[in-house]
Amino acid sequence: ALARGGLAGAVVVVVKDGQVILAKGYGYADRAKGRPMDAARTV
């Protein structure tokens, strides 16, 4: 979807029963520098 829509990046988070079962970044937070999306760090 990122490639198809020309999107730079995405963050996806899923919680269940009080626990984090997915917290993941996709693509880039900064395309020019190649800085990846990070679910824990990227603002």
PDB file of all heavy atoms in Angstrom:
ATOM      1  N   ALA A   1       0.828  -1.207   0.000  1.00  0.00           N
ATOM      2  CA  ALA A   1       0.000   0.000   0.000  1.00  0.00           C
ATOM      3  C   ALA A   1       0.863   1.258   0.000  1.00  0.00           C
ATOM      4  O   ALA A   1       0.524   2.257  -0.639  1.00  0.00           O
ATOM      5  CB  ALA A   1      -0.930  -0.003   1.213  1.00  0.00           C
ATOM      6  N   LEU A   2       1.996   1.226   0.706  1.00  0.00           N
ATOM      7  CA  LEU A   2       2.906   2.366   0.699  1.00  0.00           C
ATOM      8  C   LEU A   2       3.423   2.625  -0.713  1.00  0.00           C
ATOM      9  O   LEU A   2       3.437   3.768  -1.188  1.00  0.00           O
ATOM     10  CB  LEU A   2       4.081   2.122   1.645  1.00  0.00           C
ATOM     11  CG  LEU A   2       3.794   2.040   3.147  1.00  0.00           C
ATOM     12  CD1 LEU A   2       5.089   1.791   3.916  1.00  0.00           C
ATOM     13  CD2 LEU A   2       3.126   3.297   3.651  1.00  0.00           C
ATOM     14  N   ALA A   3       3.857   1.569  -1.365  1.00  0.00           N
ATOM     15  CA  ALA A   3       4.408   1.720  -2.709  1.00  0.00           C
ATOM     16  C   ALA A   3       3.337   2.165  -3.702  1.00  0.00           C
ATOM     17  O   ALA A   3       3.570   3.049  -4.536  1.00  0.00           O
ATOM     18  CB  ALA A   3       5.043   0.401  -3.154  1.00  0.00           C
ATOM     19  N   ARG A   4       2.158   1.571  -3.598  1.00  0.00           N
ATOM     20  CA  ARG A   4       1.077   1.881  -4.535  1.00  0.00           C
ATOM     21  C   ARG A   4       0.572   3.316  -4.386  1.00  0.00           C
ATOM     22  O   ARG A   4       0.235   3.977  -5.364  1.00  0.00           O
ATOM     23  CB  ARG A   4      -0.060   0.879  -4.316  1.00  0.00           C
ATOM     24  CG  ARG A   4      -1.200   0.985  -5.320  1.00  0.00           C
ATOM     25  CD  ARG A   4      -2.171  -0.180  -5.149  1.00  0.00           C
ATOM     26  NE  ARG A   4      -2.754  -0.225  -3.822  1.00  0.00           N
ATOM     27  CZ  ARG A   4      -2.473  -1.153  -2.904  1.00  0.00           C
ATOM     28  NH1 ARG A   4      -1.591  -2.110  -3.173  1.00  0.00           N
ATOM     29  NH2 ARG A   4      -3.048  -1.147  -1.708  1.00  0.00           N
ATOM     30  N   GLY A   5       0.519   3.806  -3.142  1.00  0.00           N
ATOM     31  CA  GLY A   5      -0.049   5.128  -2.906  1.00  0.00           C
ATOM     32  C   GLY A   5       0.963   6.246  -2.818  1.00  0.00           C
ATOM     33  O   GLY A   5       0.591   7.389  -2.539  1.00  0.00           O
ATOM     34  N   GLY A   6       2.250   5.956  -3.036  1.00  0.00           N
ATOM     35  CA  GLY A   6       3.259   6.992  -2.934  1.00  0.00           C
ATOM     36  C   GLY A   6       3.438   7.499  -1.513  1.00  0.00           C
ATOM     37  O   GLY A   6       3.793   8.658  -1.299  1.00  0.00           O
ATOM     38  N   LEU A   7       3.206   6.628  -0.526  1.00  0.00           N
ATOM     39  CA  LEU A   7       3.289   7.002   0.881  1.00  0.00           C
ATOM     40  C   LEU A   7       4.716   6.824   1.392  1.00  0.00           C
ATOM     41  O   LEU A   7       5.427   5.910   0.974  1.00  0.00           O
ATOM     42  CB  LEU A   7       2.340   6.141   1.707  1.00  0.00           C
ATOM     43  CG  LEU A   7       0.859   6.257   1.321  1.00  0.00           C
ATOM     44  CD1 LEU A   7       0.064   5.091   1.889  1.00  0.00           C
ATOM     45  CD2 LEU A   7       0.288   7.576   1.815  1.00  0.00           C
ATOM     46  N   ALA A   8       5.117   7.714   2.311  1.00  0.00           N
ATOM     47  CA  ALA A   8       6.481   7.642   2.833  1.00  0.00           C
ATOM     48  C   ALA A   8       6.624   6.545   3.879  1.00  0.00           C
ATOM     49  O   ALA A   8       7.575   5.765   3.851  1.00  0.00           O
ATOM     50  CB  ALA A   8       6.882   8.990   3.428  1.00  0.00           C
ATOM     51  N   GLY A   9       5.689   6.487   4.837  1.00  0.00           N
ATOM     52  CA  GLY A   9       5.818   5.513   5.907  1.00  0.00           C
ATOM     53  C   GLY A   9       4.548   5.348   6.691  1.00  0.00           C
ATOM     54  O   GLY A   9       3.579   6.093   6.496  1.00  0.00           O
ATOM     55  N   ALA A  10       4.557   4.376   7.589  1.00  0.00           N
ATOM     56  CA  ALA A  10       3.383   4.099   8.408  1.00  0.00           C
ATOM     57  C   ALA A  10       3.818   3.457   9.713  1.00  0.00           C
ATOM     58  O   ALA A  10       4.882   2.830   9.797  1.00  0.00           O
ATOM     59  CB  ALA A  10       2.409   3.169   7.672  1.00  0.00           C
ATOM     60  N   VAL A  11       2.982   3.635  10.726  1.00  0.00           N
ATOM     61  CA  VAL A  11       3.153   2.971  12.014  1.00  0.00           C
ATOM     62  C   VAL A  11       1.876   2.207  12.305  1.00  0.00           C
ATOM     63  O   VAL A  11       0.771   2.747  12.156  1.00  0.00           O
ATOM     64  CB  VAL A  11       3.433   3.984  13.135  1.00  0.00           C
ATOM     65  CG1 VAL A  11       3.357   3.313  14.497  1.00  0.00           C
ATOM     66  CG2 VAL A  11       4.801   4.627  12.953  1.00  0.00           C
ATOM     67  N   VAL A  12       2.001   0.947  12.693  1.00  0.00           N
ATOM     68  CA  VAL A  12       0.850   0.099  13.008  1.00  0.00           C
ATOM     69  C   VAL A  12       1.031  -0.453  14.421  1.00  0.00           C
ATOM     70  O   VAL A  12       2.088  -1.010  14.740  1.00  0.00           O
ATOM     71  CB  VAL A  12       0.707  -1.063  12.004  1.00  0.00           C
ATOM     72  CG1 VAL A  12      -0.489  -1.937  12.371  1.00  0.00           C
ATOM     73  CG2 VAL A  12       0.568  -0.533  10.582  1.00  0.00           C
ATOM     74  N   VAL A  13       0.008  -0.288  15.260  1.00  0.00           N
ATOM     75  CA  VAL A  13       0.055  -0.760  16.642  1.00  0.00           C
ATOM     76  C   VAL A  13      -1.227  -1.533  16.938  1.00  0.00           C
ATOM     77  O   VAL A  13      -2.327  -1.054  16.624  1.00  0.00           O
ATOM     78  CB  VAL A  13       0.194   0.406  17.637  1.00  0.00           C
ATOM     79  CG1 VAL A  13       0.227  -0.115  19.066  1.00  0.00           C
ATOM     80  CG2 VAL A  13       1.436   1.227  17.331  1.00  0.00           C
ATOM     81  N   VAL A  14      -1.092  -2.711  17.535  1.00  0.00           N
ATOM     82  CA  VAL A  14      -2.247  -3.516  17.934  1.00  0.00           C
ATOM     83  C   VAL A  14      -2.033  -3.952  19.377  1.00  0.00           C
ATOM     84  O   VAL A  14      -0.950  -4.456  19.731  1.00  0.00           O
ATOM     85  CB  VAL A  14      -2.429  -4.752  17.030  1.00  0.00           C
ATOM     86  CG1 VAL A  14      -3.652  -5.562  17.470  1.00  0.00           C
ATOM     87  CG2 VAL A  14      -2.562  -4.343  15.568  1.00  0.00           C
ATOM     88  N   VAL A  15      -3.043  -3.755  20.212  1.00  0.00           N
ATOM     89  CA  VAL A  15      -2.988  -4.220  21.605  1.00  0.00           C
ATOM     90  C   VAL A  15      -4.155  -5.174  21.839  1.00  0.00           C
ATOM     91  O   VAL A  15      -5.218  -5.037  21.240  1.00  0.00           O
ATOM     92  CB  VAL A  15      -3.039  -3.047  22.605  1.00  0.00           C
ATOM     93  CG1 VAL A  15      -1.870  -2.110  22.394  1.00  0.00           C
ATOM     94  CG2 VAL A  15      -4.354  -2.290  22.513  1.00  0.00           C
ATOM     95  N   LYS A  16      -3.934  -6.150  22.725  1.00  0.00           N
ATOM     96  CA  LYS A  16      -4.964  -7.134  23.045  1.00  0.00           C
ATOM     97  C   LYS A  16      -4.771  -7.589  24.485  1.00  0.00           C
ATOM     98  O   LYS A  16      -3.657  -7.951  24.885  1.00  0.00           O
ATOM     99  CB  LYS A  16      -4.871  -8.345  22.108  1.00  0.00           C
ATOM    100  CG  LYS A  16      -5.913  -9.431  22.362  1.00  0.00           C
ATOM    101  CD  LYS A  16      -7.275  -9.030  21.807  1.00  0.00           C
ATOM    102  CE  LYS A  16      -8.263 -10.195  21.795  1.00  0.00           C
ATOM    103  NZ  LYS A  16      -8.764 -10.544  23.133  1.00  0.00           N
ATOM    104  N   ASP A  17      -5.851  -7.524  25.265  1.00  0.00           N
ATOM    105  CA  ASP A  17      -5.822  -7.997  26.652  1.00  0.00           C
ATOM    106  C   ASP A  17      -4.695  -7.347  27.458  1.00  0.00           C
ATOM    107  O   ASP A  17      -3.988  -8.006  28.228  1.00  0.00           O
ATOM    108  CB  ASP A  17      -5.683  -9.521  26.690  1.00  0.00           C
ATOM    109  CG  ASP A  17      -6.878 -10.221  26.050  1.00  0.00           C
ATOM    110  OD1 ASP A  17      -7.997  -9.698  26.182  1.00  0.00           O
ATOM    111  OD2 ASP A  17      -6.679 -11.264  25.407  1.00  0.00           O
ATOM    112  N   GLY A  18      -4.512  -6.045  27.242  1.00  0.00           N
ATOM    113  CA  GLY A  18      -3.534  -5.305  28.018  1.00  0.00           C
ATOM    114  C   GLY A  18      -2.098  -5.460  27.569  1.00  0.00           C
ATOM    115  O   GLY A  18      -1.183  -4.951  28.224  1.00  0.00           O
ATOM    116  N   GLN A  19      -1.864  -6.159  26.452  1.00  0.00           N
ATOM    117  CA  GLN A  19      -0.512  -6.383  25.959  1.00  0.00           C
ATOM    118  C   GLN A  19      -0.373  -5.850  24.540  1.00  0.00           C
ATOM    119  O   GLN A  19      -1.333  -5.846  23.756  1.00  0.00           O
ATOM    120  CB  GLN A  19      -0.171  -7.886  25.966  1.00  0.00           C
ATOM    121  CG  GLN A  19      -0.276  -8.540  27.330  1.00  0.00           C
ATOM    122  CD  GLN A  19       0.725  -7.979  28.324  1.00  0.00           C
ATOM    123  OE1 GLN A  19       1.870  -7.713  27.976  1.00  0.00           O
ATOM    124  NE2 GLN A  19       0.294  -7.803  29.568  1.00  0.00           N
ATOM    125  N   VAL A  20       0.821  -5.405  24.203  1.00  0.00           N
ATOM    126  CA  VAL A  20       1.119  -4.968  22.832  1.00  0.00           C
ATOM    127  C   VAL A  20       1.496  -6.210  22.028  1.00  0.00           C
ATOM    128  O   VAL A  20       2.482  -6.885  22.346  1.00  0.00           O
ATOM    129  CB  VAL A  20       2.274  -3.956  22.808  1.00  0.00           C
ATOM    130  CG1 VAL A  20       2.586  -3.545  21.370  1.00  0.00           C
ATOM    131  CG2 VAL A  20       1.934  -2.738  23.651  1.00  0.00           C
ATOM    132  N   ILE A  21       0.707  -6.516  21.013  1.00  0.00           N
ATOM    133  CA  ILE A  21       1.031  -7.686  20.190  1.00  0.00           C
ATOM    134  C   ILE A  21       1.652  -7.287  18.855  1.00  0.00           C
ATOM    135  O   ILE A  21       2.181  -8.135  18.144  1.00  0.00           O
ATOM    136  CB  ILE A  21      -0.202  -8.589  19.974  1.00  0.00           C
ATOM    137  CG1 ILE A  21      -1.308  -7.866  19.214  1.00  0.00           C
ATOM    138  CG2 ILE A  21      -0.720  -9.105  21.307  1.00  0.00           C
ATOM    139  CD1 ILE A  21      -2.470  -8.779  18.854  1.00  0.00           C
ATOM    140  N   LEU A  22       1.577  -5.986  18.509  1.00  0.00           N
ATOM    141  CA  LEU A  22       2.279  -5.499  17.323  1.00  0.00           C
ATOM    142  C   LEU A  22       2.510  -4.006  17.489  1.00  0.00           C
ATOM    143  O   LEU A  22       1.582  -3.261  17.798  1.00  0.00           O
ATOM    144  CB  LEU A  22       1.471  -5.760  16.045  1.00  0.00           C
ATOM    145  CG  LEU A  22       2.098  -5.203  14.754  1.00  0.00           C
ATOM    146  CD1 LEU A  22       3.414  -5.929  14.440  1.00  0.00           C
ATOM    147  CD2 LEU A  22       1.148  -5.323  13.571  1.00  0.00           C
ATOM    148  N   ALA A  23       3.748  -3.561  17.294  1.00  0.00           N
ATOM    149  CA  ALA A  23       4.105  -2.142  17.243  1.00  0.00           C
ATOM    150  C   ALA A  23       5.243  -2.043  16.239  1.00  0.00           C
ATOM    151  O   ALA A  23       6.394  -2.346  16.562  1.00  0.00           O
ATOM    152  CB  ALA A  23       4.520  -1.617  18.609  1.00  0.00           C
ATOM    153  N   LYS A  24       4.927  -1.650  15.025  1.00  0.00           N
ATOM    154  CA  LYS A  24       5.908  -1.767  13.947  1.00  0.00           C
ATOM    155  C   LYS A  24       5.822  -0.575  13.007  1.00  0.00           C
ATOM    156  O   LYS A  24       4.740  -0.069  12.713  1.00  0.00           O
ATOM    157  CB  LYS A  24       5.657  -3.070  13.168  1.00  0.00           C
ATOM    158  CG  LYS A  24       6.748  -3.416  12.161  1.00  0.00           C
ATOM    159  CD  LYS A  24       6.550  -4.818  11.607  1.00  0.00           C
ATOM    160  CE  LYS A  24       7.666  -5.222  10.666  1.00  0.00           C
ATOM    161  NZ  LYS A  24       7.513  -6.611  10.180  1.00  0.00           N
ATOM    162  N   GLY A  25       6.987  -0.134  12.548  1.00  0.00           N
ATOM    163  CA  GLY A  25       7.052   0.926  11.550  1.00  0.00           C
ATOM    164  C   GLY A  25       7.348   0.362  10.180  1.00  0.00           C
ATOM    165  O   GLY A  25       8.037  -0.663  10.042  1.00  0.00           O
ATOM    166  N   TYR A  26       6.832   1.033   9.165  1.00  0.00           N
ATOM    167  CA  TYR A  26       7.055   0.633   7.769  1.00  0.00           C
ATOM    168  C   TYR A  26       7.484   1.870   6.979  1.00  0.00           C
ATOM    169  O   TYR A  26       6.990   2.977   7.225  1.00  0.00           O
ATOM    170  CB  TYR A  26       5.777   0.068   7.152  1.00  0.00           C
ATOM    171  CG  TYR A  26       5.260  -1.192   7.807  1.00  0.00           C
ATOM    172  CD1 TYR A  26       4.434  -1.115   8.924  1.00  0.00           C
ATOM    173  CD2 TYR A  26       5.589  -2.445   7.317  1.00  0.00           C
ATOM    174  CE1 TYR A  26       3.944  -2.268   9.535  1.00  0.00           C
ATOM    175  CE2 TYR A  26       5.110  -3.607   7.911  1.00  0.00           C
ATOM    176  CZ  TYR A  26       4.280  -3.512   9.019  1.00  0.00           C
ATOM    177  OH  TYR A  26       3.795  -4.648   9.617  1.00  0.00           O
ATOM    178  N   GLY A  27       8.372   1.703   6.024  1.00  0.00           N
ATOM    179  CA  GLY A  27       8.782   2.823   5.190  1.00  0.00           C
ATOM    180  C   GLY A  27       9.693   3.777   5.939  1.00  0.00           C
ATOM    181  O   GLY A  27      10.427   3.383   6.854  1.00  0.00           O
ATOM    182  N   TYR A  28       9.628   5.062   5.542  1.00  0.00           N
ATOM    183  CA  TYR A  28      10.602   6.033   6.008  1.00  0.00           C
ATOM    184  C   TYR A  28       9.967   7.195   6.753  1.00  0.00           C
ATOM    185  O   TYR A  28       8.919   7.714   6.369  1.00  0.00           O
ATOM    186  CB  TYR A  28      11.402   6.581   4.821  1.00  0.00           C
ATOM    187  CG  TYR A  28      12.238   5.531   4.129  1.00  0.00           C
ATOM    188  CD1 TYR A  28      11.803   4.953   2.934  1.00  0.00           C
ATOM    189  CD2 TYR A  28      13.433   5.108   4.677  1.00  0.00           C
ATOM    190  CE1 TYR A  28      12.552   3.980   2.301  1.00  0.00           C
ATOM    191  CE2 TYR A  28      14.203   4.127   4.058  1.00  0.00           C
ATOM    192  CZ  TYR A  28      13.754   3.566   2.869  1.00  0.00           C
ATOM    193  OH  TYR A  28      14.505   2.600   2.262  1.00  0.00           O
ATOM    194  N   ALA A  29      10.677   7.632   7.811  1.00  0.00           N
ATOM    195  CA  ALA A  29      10.335   8.873   8.488  1.00  0.00           C
ATOM    196  C   ALA A  29      11.015  10.056   7.807  1.00  0.00           C
ATOM    197  O   ALA A  29      10.558  11.189   7.912  1.00  0.00           O
ATOM    198  CB  ALA A  29      10.751   8.808   9.953  1.00  0.00           C
ATOM    199  N   ASP A  30      12.132   9.793   7.123  1.00  0.00           N
ATOM    200  CA  ASP A  30      12.856  10.810   6.359  1.00  0.00           C
ATOM    201  C   ASP A  30      13.397  10.126   5.115  1.00  0.00           C
ATOM    202  O   ASP A  30      14.348   9.333   5.190  1.00  0.00           O
ATOM    203  CB  ASP A  30      13.987  11.398   7.210  1.00  0.00           C
ATOM    204  CG  ASP A  30      14.718  12.538   6.502  1.00  0.00           C
ATOM    205  OD1 ASP A  30      14.705  12.587   5.263  1.00  0.00           O
ATOM    206  OD2 ASP A  30      15.307  13.375   7.213  1.00  0.00           O
ATOM    207  N   ARG A  31      12.787  10.405   3.974  1.00  0.00           N
ATOM    208  CA  ARG A  31      13.191   9.730   2.744  1.00  0.00           C
ATOM    209  C   ARG A  31      14.626  10.078   2.358  1.00  0.00           C
ATOM    210  O   ARG A  31      15.403   9.211   1.942  1.00  0.00           O
ATOM    211  CB  ARG A  31      12.246  10.127   1.612  1.00  0.00           C
ATOM    212  CG  ARG A  31      10.949   9.347   1.590  1.00  0.00           C
ATOM    213  CD  ARG A  31      10.037   9.896   0.516  1.00  0.00           C
ATOM    214  NE  ARG A  31       8.916   9.010   0.241  1.00  0.00           N
ATOM    215  CZ  ARG A  31       7.811   9.391  -0.379  1.00  0.00           C
ATOM    216  NH1 ARG A  31       7.684  10.634  -0.774  1.00  0.00           N
ATOM    217  NH2 ARG A  31       6.837   8.528  -0.591  1.00  0.00           N
ATOM    218  N   ALA A  32      14.978  11.354   2.453  1.00  0.00           N
ATOM    219  CA  ALA A  32      16.288  11.800   1.987  1.00  0.00           C
ATOM    220  C   ALA A  32      17.417  11.127   2.768  1.00  0.00           C
ATOM    221  O   ALA A  32      18.441  10.738   2.197  1.00  0.00           O
ATOM    222  CB  ALA A  32      16.395  13.320   2.102  1.00  0.00           C
ATOM    223  N   LYS A  33      17.241  10.975   4.070  1.00  0.00           N
ATOM    224  CA  LYS A  33      18.279  10.377   4.912  1.00  0.00           C
ATOM    225  C   LYS A  33      18.102   8.873   5.084  1.00  0.00           C
ATOM    226  O   LYS A  33      18.954   8.217   5.701  1.00  0.00           O
ATOM    227  CB  LYS A  33      18.284  11.048   6.281  1.00  0.00           C
ATOM    228  CG  LYS A  33      18.663  12.521   6.230  1.00  0.00           C
ATOM    229  CD  LYS A  33      18.673  13.127   7.631  1.00  0.00           C
ATOM    230  CE  LYS A  33      19.092  14.586   7.583  1.00  0.00           C
ATOM    231  NZ  LYS A  33      19.099  15.212   8.937  1.00  0.00           N
ATOM    232  N   GLY A  34      17.005   8.333   4.566  1.00  0.00           N
ATOM    233  CA  GLY A  34      16.765   6.907   4.725  1.00  0.00           C
ATOM    234  C   GLY A  34      16.448   6.508   6.146  1.00  0.00           C
ATOM    235  O   GLY A  34      16.627   5.339   6.520  1.00  0.00           O
ATOM    236  N   ARG A  35      15.959   7.463   6.954  1.00  0.00           N
ATOM    237  CA  ARG A  35      15.633   7.154   8.353  1.00  0.00           C
ATOM    238  C   ARG A  35      14.319   6.385   8.398  1.00  0.00           C
ATOM    239  O   ARG A  35      13.292   6.882   7.935  1.00  0.00           O
ATOM    240  CB  ARG A  35      15.528   8.447   9.159  1.00  0.00           C
ATOM    241  CG  ARG A  35      15.107   8.255  10.605  1.00  0.00           C
ATOM    242  CD  ARG A  35      15.451   9.479  11.459  1.00  0.00           C
ATOM    243  NE  ARG A  35      14.901  10.702  10.927  1.00  0.00           N
ATOM    244  CZ  ARG A  35      13.725  11.215  11.281  1.00  0.00           C
ATOM    245  NH1 ARG A  35      12.961  10.578  12.160  1.00  0.00           N
ATOM    246  NH2 ARG A  35      13.319  12.350  10.766  1.00  0.00           N
ATOM    247  N   PRO A  36      14.300   5.177   8.955  1.00  0.00           N
ATOM    248  CA  PRO A  36      13.086   4.353   8.912  1.00  0.00           C
ATOM    249  C   PRO A  36      12.057   4.793   9.948  1.00  0.00           C
ATOM    250  O   PRO A  36      12.389   5.430  10.955  1.00  0.00           O
ATOM    251  CB  PRO A  36      13.599   2.954   9.226  1.00  0.00           C
ATOM    252  CG  PRO A  36      14.801   3.196  10.084  1.00  0.00           C
ATOM    253  CD  PRO A  36      15.429   4.464   9.575  1.00  0.00           C
ATOM    254  N   MET A  37      10.831   4.433   9.697  1.00  0.00           N
ATOM    255  CA  MET A  37       9.770   4.596  10.691  1.00  0.00           C
ATOM    256  C   MET A  37       9.996   3.590  11.815  1.00  0.00           C
ATOM    257  O   MET A  37      10.212   2.406  11.558  1.00  0.00           O
ATOM    258  CB  MET A  37       8.394   4.350  10.069  1.00  0.00           C
ATOM    259  CG  MET A  37       7.798   5.554   9.380  1.00  0.00           C
ATOM    260  SD  MET A  37       7.125   6.721  10.572  1.00  0.00           S
ATOM    261  CE  MET A  37       6.047   7.688   9.505  1.00  0.00           C
ATOM    262  N   ASP A  38       9.930   4.083  13.047  1.00  0.00           N
ATOM    263  CA  ASP A  38      10.148   3.241  14.219  1.00  0.00           C
ATOM    264  C   ASP A  38       8.983   3.478  15.176  1.00  0.00           C
ATOM    265  O   ASP A  38       8.765   4.606  15.620  1.00  0.00           O
ATOM    266  CB  ASP A  38      11.478   3.599  14.881  1.00  0.00           C
ATOM    267  CG  ASP A  38      11.843   2.679  16.034  1.00  0.00           C
ATOM    268  OD1 ASP A  38      10.941   2.321  16.830  1.00  0.00           O
ATOM    269  OD2 ASP A  38      13.021   2.331  16.159  1.00  0.00           O
ATOM    270  N   ALA A  39       8.225   2.439  15.484  1.00  0.00           N
ATOM    271  CA  ALA A  39       7.028   2.603  16.309  1.00  0.00           C
ATOM    272  C   ALA A  39       7.345   3.116  17.703  1.00  0.00           C
ATOM    273  O   ALA A  39       6.515   3.777  18.330  1.00  0.00           O
ATOM    274  CB  ALA A  39       6.269   1.280  16.401  1.00  0.00           C
ATOM    275  N   ALA A  40       8.545   2.836  18.206  1.00  0.00           N
ATOM    276  CA  ALA A  40       8.896   3.263  19.557  1.00  0.00           C
ATOM    277  C   ALA A  40       9.567   4.628  19.587  1.00  0.00           C
ATOM    278  O   ALA A  40       9.488   5.337  20.587  1.00  0.00           O
ATOM    279  CB  ALA A  40       9.819   2.235  20.205  1.00  0.00           C
ATOM    280  N   ARG A  41      10.195   5.031  18.490  1.00  0.00           N
ATOM    281  CA  ARG A  41      11.013   6.244  18.508  1.00  0.00           C
ATOM    282  C   ARG A  41      10.455   7.372  17.642  1.00  0.00           C
ATOM    283  O   ARG A  41      10.490   8.545  18.029  1.00  0.00           O
ATOM    284  CB  ARG A  41      12.435   5.905  18.060  1.00  0.00           C
ATOM    285  CG  ARG A  41      13.388   7.080  18.166  1.00  0.00           C
ATOM    286  CD  ARG A  41      14.815   6.666  17.822  1.00  0.00           C
ATOM    287  NE  ARG A  41      15.736   7.785  18.010  1.00  0.00           N
ATOM    288  CZ  ARG A  41      16.315   8.101  19.154  1.00  0.00           C
ATOM    289  NH1 ARG A  41      16.077   7.362  20.227  1.00  0.00           N
ATOM    290  NH2 ARG A  41      17.141   9.127  19.248  1.00  0.00           N
ATOM    291  N   THR A  42       9.954   7.050  16.463  1.00  0.00           N
ATOM    292  CA  THR A  42       9.538   8.084  15.515  1.00  0.00           C
ATOM    293  C   THR A  42       8.324   8.845  16.031  1.00  0.00           C
ATOM    294  O   THR A  42       7.313   8.245  16.403  1.00  0.00           O
ATOM    295  CB  THR A  42       9.213   7.466  14.148  1.00  0.00           C
ATOM    296  OG1 THR A  42      10.357   6.751  13.668  1.00  0.00           O
ATOM    297  CG2 THR A  42       8.838   8.549  13.146  1.00  0.00           C
ATOM    298  N   VAL A  43       8.409  10.164  16.013  1.00  0.00           N
ATOM    299  CA  VAL A  43       7.320  11.024  16.465  1.00  0.00           C
ATOM    300  C   VAL A  43       6.411  11.332  15.287  1.00  0.00           C
ATOM    301  O   VAL A  43       6.867  11.807  14.239  1.00  0.00           O
ATOM    302  CB  VAL A  43       7.867  12.332  17.069  1.00  0.00           C
ATOM    303  CG1 VAL A  43       6.728  13.273  17.453  1.00  0.00           C
ATOM    304  CG2 VAL A  43       8.740  12.029  18.276  1.00  0.00           C
TER     305      VAL A  43
END
